């Protein structure tokens, strides 16, 4: 596991804990979690970016929010500690993956970026068509549809997962 992936997982886990602490008014936990989040952010700024993700983002023209969602979906796919917290924030579908609605809540997005992400995921896009993000189950709207990132487990810096036929026509 790359240093960046480990830090991204820890960052999303910490943001999930902070979201729950805010929701449940666990005031004694909020400040230590904010400090922890800031420390992880500093470490992320210093780490060398994961080449596979950087190449994928460049090749597909991903926005920062789309990239962060992919990292978050990877975290939910591989980090067992996140399952209970994502389910706590998003209900039973949280056991199956990450929805835009739960991501928005954990990432602290407001309005435009989360709406654009839901619309982007709801129509054809290279991450879903290429199998890097897999919709799990049926949902009435793109905002509550859950996604996993199972293909990321097969990626390595030397060999990123292939992206199936996608053109920007």
C-alpha atoms as a PDB file:
ATOM      1  CA  UNK A   1       0.000   0.000   0.000  1.00  0.00           C
ATOM      2  CA  UNK A   2       1.382   3.398  -0.938  1.00  0.00           C
ATOM      3  CA  UNK A   3       2.012   6.058   1.691  1.00  0.00           C
ATOM      4  CA  UNK A   4      -0.581   8.287   0.048  1.00  0.00           C
ATOM      5  CA  UNK A   5      -3.237   5.558   0.050  1.00  0.00           C
ATOM      6  CA  UNK A   6      -2.629   4.822   3.739  1.00  0.00           C
ATOM      7  CA  UNK A   7      -2.890   8.527   4.574  1.00  0.00           C
ATOM      8  CA  UNK A   8      -6.005   9.010   2.404  1.00  0.00           C
ATOM      9  CA  UNK A   9      -7.693   6.117   4.196  1.00  0.00           C
ATOM     10  CA  UNK A  10      -6.732   7.537   7.590  1.00  0.00           C
ATOM     11  CA  UNK A  11      -7.880  11.017   6.533  1.00  0.00           C
ATOM     12  CA  UNK A  12     -11.315   9.792   5.433  1.00  0.00           C
ATOM     13  CA  UNK A  13     -11.656   7.683   8.574  1.00  0.00           C
ATOM     14  CA  UNK A  14     -10.824  10.696  10.737  1.00  0.00           C
ATOM     15  CA  UNK A  15     -13.276  12.900   8.809  1.00  0.00           C
ATOM     16  CA  UNK A  16     -15.987  10.259   9.336  1.00  0.00           C
ATOM     17  CA  UNK A  17     -15.274  10.183  13.079  1.00  0.00           C
ATOM     18  CA  UNK A  18     -15.363  13.979  13.203  1.00  0.00           C
ATOM     19  CA  UNK A  19     -18.698  14.051  11.344  1.00  0.00           C
ATOM     20  CA  UNK A  20     -20.197  11.602  13.831  1.00  0.00           C
ATOM     21  CA  UNK A  21     -18.757  13.524  16.791  1.00  0.00           C
ATOM     22  CA  UNK A  22     -20.338  16.730  15.426  1.00  0.00           C
ATOM     23  CA  UNK A  23     -23.676  14.992  14.805  1.00  0.00           C
ATOM     24  CA  UNK A  24     -23.769  13.366  18.228  1.00  0.00           C
ATOM     25  CA  UNK A  25     -22.492  16.483  20.036  1.00  0.00           C
ATOM     26  CA  UNK A  26     -19.454  14.646  21.415  1.00  0.00           C
ATOM     27  CA  UNK A  27     -17.748  17.928  22.224  1.00  0.00           C
ATOM     28  CA  UNK A  28     -14.786  16.363  24.055  1.00  0.00           C
ATOM     29  CA  UNK A  29     -13.899  14.404  20.912  1.00  0.00           C
ATOM     30  CA  UNK A  30     -14.234  17.166  18.328  1.00  0.00           C
ATOM     31  CA  UNK A  31     -11.071  19.171  18.997  1.00  0.00           C
ATOM     32  CA  UNK A  32      -8.699  16.160  19.209  1.00  0.00           C
ATOM     33  CA  UNK A  33     -10.174  14.850  15.947  1.00  0.00           C
ATOM     34  CA  UNK A  34      -9.705  18.238  14.259  1.00  0.00           C
ATOM     35  CA  UNK A  35      -6.073  18.292  15.378  1.00  0.00           C
ATOM     36  CA  UNK A  36      -5.609  14.734  14.081  1.00  0.00           C
ATOM     37  CA  UNK A  37      -7.200  15.686  10.741  1.00  0.00           C
ATOM     38  CA  UNK A  38      -4.890  18.696  10.407  1.00  0.00           C
ATOM     39  CA  UNK A  39      -1.848  16.527  11.166  1.00  0.00           C
ATOM     40  CA  UNK A  40      -2.870  14.042   8.486  1.00  0.00           C
ATOM     41  CA  UNK A  41      -3.454  16.879   6.008  1.00  0.00           C
ATOM     42  CA  UNK A  42       0.078  18.174   6.666  1.00  0.00           C
ATOM     43  CA  UNK A  43       1.480  14.694   6.073  1.00  0.00           C
ATOM     44  CA  UNK A  44      -0.565  14.355   2.875  1.00  0.00           C
ATOM     45  CA  UNK A  45       0.855  17.638   1.588  1.00  0.00           C
ATOM     46  CA  UNK A  46       4.374  16.266   2.124  1.00  0.00           C
ATOM     47  CA  UNK A  47       3.876  12.807   0.603  1.00  0.00           C
ATOM     48  CA  UNK A  48       4.643  12.036  -3.026  1.00  0.00           C
ATOM     49  CA  UNK A  49       1.393  11.635  -4.960  1.00  0.00           C
ATOM     50  CA  UNK A  50       0.398   8.136  -5.990  1.00  0.00           C
ATOM     51  CA  UNK A  51       1.490   7.783  -9.631  1.00  0.00           C
ATOM     52  CA  UNK A  52      -1.439   5.544 -10.607  1.00  0.00           C
ATOM     53  CA  UNK A  53      -4.037   8.020  -9.302  1.00  0.00           C
ATOM     54  CA  UNK A  54      -2.178  10.993 -10.742  1.00  0.00           C
ATOM     55  CA  UNK A  55      -2.021   9.334 -14.176  1.00  0.00           C
ATOM     56  CA  UNK A  56      -5.677   8.336 -14.014  1.00  0.00           C
ATOM     57  CA  UNK A  57      -6.786  11.834 -12.979  1.00  0.00           C
ATOM     58  CA  UNK A  58      -4.756  13.451 -15.741  1.00  0.00           C
ATOM     59  CA  UNK A  59      -5.848  10.997 -18.419  1.00  0.00           C
ATOM     60  CA  UNK A  60      -9.554  11.323 -17.531  1.00  0.00           C
ATOM     61  CA  UNK A  61      -9.552  15.016 -16.609  1.00  0.00           C
ATOM     62  CA  UNK A  62     -10.943  14.377 -13.126  1.00  0.00           C
ATOM     63  CA  UNK A  63     -11.826  17.293 -10.876  1.00  0.00           C
ATOM     64  CA  UNK A  64     -10.459  17.487  -7.317  1.00  0.00           C
ATOM     65  CA  UNK A  65     -13.869  16.450  -5.923  1.00  0.00           C
ATOM     66  CA  UNK A  66     -14.008  13.427  -8.246  1.00  0.00           C
ATOM     67  CA  UNK A  67     -10.494  12.415  -7.218  1.00  0.00           C
ATOM     68  CA  UNK A  68     -11.359  12.799  -3.527  1.00  0.00           C
ATOM     69  CA  UNK A  69     -14.520  10.711  -4.017  1.00  0.00           C
ATOM     70  CA  UNK A  70     -12.463   7.931  -5.610  1.00  0.00           C
ATOM     71  CA  UNK A  71     -10.012   7.989  -2.679  1.00  0.00           C
ATOM     72  CA  UNK A  72     -12.988   7.901  -0.274  1.00  0.00           C
ATOM     73  CA  UNK A  73     -14.607   4.983  -2.145  1.00  0.00           C
ATOM     74  CA  UNK A  74     -11.285   3.133  -2.007  1.00  0.00           C
ATOM     75  CA  UNK A  75     -11.110   3.805   1.734  1.00  0.00           C
ATOM     76  CA  UNK A  76     -14.627   2.436   2.269  1.00  0.00           C
ATOM     77  CA  UNK A  77     -13.780  -0.596   0.108  1.00  0.00           C
ATOM     78  CA  UNK A  78     -10.621  -1.565   1.991  1.00  0.00           C
ATOM     79  CA  UNK A  79     -10.901  -0.164   5.543  1.00  0.00           C
ATOM     80  CA  UNK A  80     -13.086  -2.299   7.820  1.00  0.00           C
ATOM     81  CA  UNK A  81     -13.202   0.421  10.519  1.00  0.00           C
ATOM     82  CA  UNK A  82     -15.174   2.652   8.156  1.00  0.00           C
ATOM     83  CA  UNK A  83     -18.106   0.281   7.599  1.00  0.00           C
ATOM     84  CA  UNK A  84     -19.880   0.967  10.884  1.00  0.00           C
ATOM     85  CA  UNK A  85     -19.369   4.726  10.567  1.00  0.00           C
ATOM     86  CA  UNK A  86     -20.556   4.971   6.961  1.00  0.00           C
ATOM     87  CA  UNK A  87     -23.593   2.888   7.922  1.00  0.00           C
ATOM     88  CA  UNK A  88     -24.210   5.165  10.915  1.00  0.00           C
ATOM     89  CA  UNK A  89     -24.237   8.189   8.621  1.00  0.00           C
ATOM     90  CA  UNK A  90     -26.042   6.661   5.634  1.00  0.00           C
ATOM     91  CA  UNK A  91     -28.135   3.804   6.952  1.00  0.00           C
ATOM     92  CA  UNK A  92     -27.988   0.169   5.775  1.00  0.00           C
ATOM     93  CA  UNK A  93     -26.748   1.076   2.245  1.00  0.00           C
ATOM     94  CA  UNK A  94     -23.536   2.210   3.948  1.00  0.00           C
ATOM     95  CA  UNK A  95     -22.648  -1.453   4.434  1.00  0.00           C
ATOM     96  CA  UNK A  96     -22.411  -1.829   0.663  1.00  0.00           C
ATOM     97  CA  UNK A  97     -20.364   1.224  -0.278  1.00  0.00           C
ATOM     98  CA  UNK A  98     -20.165   5.012  -0.354  1.00  0.00           C
ATOM     99  CA  UNK A  99     -22.931   7.281  -1.635  1.00  0.00           C
ATOM    100  CA  UNK A 100     -22.516  10.880  -2.721  1.00  0.00           C
ATOM    101  CA  UNK A 101     -24.883  11.876   0.098  1.00  0.00           C
ATOM    102  CA  UNK A 102     -22.650  10.290   2.767  1.00  0.00           C
ATOM    103  CA  UNK A 103     -19.483  11.522   1.058  1.00  0.00           C
ATOM    104  CA  UNK A 104     -20.905  15.063   0.996  1.00  0.00           C
ATOM    105  CA  UNK A 105     -21.623  14.889   4.691  1.00  0.00           C
ATOM    106  CA  UNK A 106     -18.182  13.557   5.618  1.00  0.00           C
ATOM    107  CA  UNK A 107     -16.270  15.832   3.205  1.00  0.00           C
ATOM    108  CA  UNK A 108     -18.268  18.887   4.286  1.00  0.00           C
ATOM    109  CA  UNK A 109     -19.311  19.833   0.748  1.00  0.00           C
ATOM    110  CA  UNK A 110     -22.171  22.226   0.325  1.00  0.00           C
ATOM    111  CA  UNK A 111     -24.342  22.627  -2.747  1.00  0.00           C
ATOM    112  CA  UNK A 112     -22.606  22.732  -6.107  1.00  0.00           C
ATOM    113  CA  UNK A 113     -19.691  20.264  -5.954  1.00  0.00           C
ATOM    114  CA  UNK A 114     -21.714  17.418  -4.455  1.00  0.00           C
ATOM    115  CA  UNK A 115     -24.588  17.997  -6.859  1.00  0.00           C
ATOM    116  CA  UNK A 116     -22.177  17.979  -9.821  1.00  0.00           C
ATOM    117  CA  UNK A 117     -20.569  14.776  -8.504  1.00  0.00           C
ATOM    118  CA  UNK A 118     -23.959  13.038  -8.232  1.00  0.00           C
ATOM    119  CA  UNK A 119     -24.893  14.110 -11.766  1.00  0.00           C
ATOM    120  CA  UNK A 120     -21.510  13.015 -13.123  1.00  0.00           C
ATOM    121  CA  UNK A 121     -21.770   9.589 -11.468  1.00  0.00           C
ATOM    122  CA  UNK A 122     -25.385   9.231 -12.622  1.00  0.00           C
ATOM    123  CA  UNK A 123     -24.497   9.461 -16.294  1.00  0.00           C
ATOM    124  CA  UNK A 124     -21.845   7.600 -18.247  1.00  0.00           C
ATOM    125  CA  UNK A 125     -18.370   8.345 -16.937  1.00  0.00           C
ATOM    126  CA  UNK A 126     -15.019   6.637 -17.342  1.00  0.00           C
ATOM    127  CA  UNK A 127     -14.664   5.458 -13.746  1.00  0.00           C
ATOM    128  CA  UNK A 128     -17.952   3.536 -13.733  1.00  0.00           C
ATOM    129  CA  UNK A 129     -17.665   2.327 -17.323  1.00  0.00           C
ATOM    130  CA  UNK A 130     -14.088   1.220 -16.683  1.00  0.00           C
ATOM    131  CA  UNK A 131     -15.039  -0.675 -13.514  1.00  0.00           C
ATOM    132  CA  UNK A 132     -12.939   1.437 -11.147  1.00  0.00           C
ATOM    133  CA  UNK A 133     -16.121   2.533  -9.370  1.00  0.00           C
ATOM    134  CA  UNK A 134     -18.878  -0.062  -9.211  1.00  0.00           C
ATOM    135  CA  UNK A 135     -22.478   0.936  -8.428  1.00  0.00           C
ATOM    136  CA  UNK A 136     -23.871  -1.369  -5.771  1.00  0.00           C
ATOM    137  CA  UNK A 137     -27.587  -2.031  -5.588  1.00  0.00           C
ATOM    138  CA  UNK A 138     -30.408   0.074  -6.914  1.00  0.00           C
ATOM    139  CA  UNK A 139     -31.226   3.562  -5.710  1.00  0.00           C
ATOM    140  CA  UNK A 140     -33.837   6.067  -6.750  1.00  0.00           C
ATOM    141  CA  UNK A 141     -31.342   8.885  -7.289  1.00  0.00           C
ATOM    142  CA  UNK A 142     -27.636   9.210  -8.115  1.00  0.00           C
ATOM    143  CA  UNK A 143     -27.046  11.005  -4.797  1.00  0.00           C
ATOM    144  CA  UNK A 144     -27.916   7.924  -2.721  1.00  0.00           C
ATOM    145  CA  UNK A 145     -26.541   5.198  -5.023  1.00  0.00           C
ATOM    146  CA  UNK A 146     -23.578   3.488  -3.366  1.00  0.00           C
ATOM    147  CA  UNK A 147     -20.219   2.829  -5.036  1.00  0.00           C
ATOM    148  CA  UNK A 148     -17.261   0.587  -4.280  1.00  0.00           C
ATOM    149  CA  UNK A 149     -13.777   0.743  -5.757  1.00  0.00           C
ATOM    150  CA  UNK A 150     -12.865  -2.967  -6.076  1.00  0.00           C
ATOM    151  CA  UNK A 151     -10.611  -2.538  -9.124  1.00  0.00           C
ATOM    152  CA  UNK A 152      -8.239  -0.336  -7.135  1.00  0.00           C
ATOM    153  CA  UNK A 153      -7.060  -3.407  -5.224  1.00  0.00           C
ATOM    154  CA  UNK A 154      -5.640  -4.748  -8.493  1.00  0.00           C
ATOM    155  CA  UNK A 155      -3.787  -1.517  -9.247  1.00  0.00           C
ATOM    156  CA  UNK A 156      -0.162  -0.929  -8.573  1.00  0.00           C
ATOM    157  CA  UNK A 157       2.024   2.045  -9.423  1.00  0.00           C
ATOM    158  CA  UNK A 158       3.586  -0.102 -12.127  1.00  0.00           C
ATOM    159  CA  UNK A 159       0.293  -1.295 -13.588  1.00  0.00           C
ATOM    160  CA  UNK A 160      -2.843   0.814 -13.142  1.00  0.00           C
ATOM    161  CA  UNK A 161      -6.159  -0.828 -13.930  1.00  0.00           C
ATOM    162  CA  UNK A 162      -7.195  -0.354 -17.546  1.00  0.00           C
ATOM    163  CA  UNK A 163      -9.989   2.032 -18.403  1.00  0.00           C
ATOM    164  CA  UNK A 164     -12.460   0.584 -20.876  1.00  0.00           C
ATOM    165  CA  UNK A 165     -13.467   2.358 -24.045  1.00  0.00           C
ATOM    166  CA  UNK A 166     -14.066   5.975 -23.141  1.00  0.00           C
ATOM    167  CA  UNK A 167     -13.872   8.957 -25.397  1.00  0.00           C
ATOM    168  CA  UNK A 168     -14.618  12.577 -24.769  1.00  0.00           C
ATOM    169  CA  UNK A 169     -16.584  13.000 -27.963  1.00  0.00           C
END
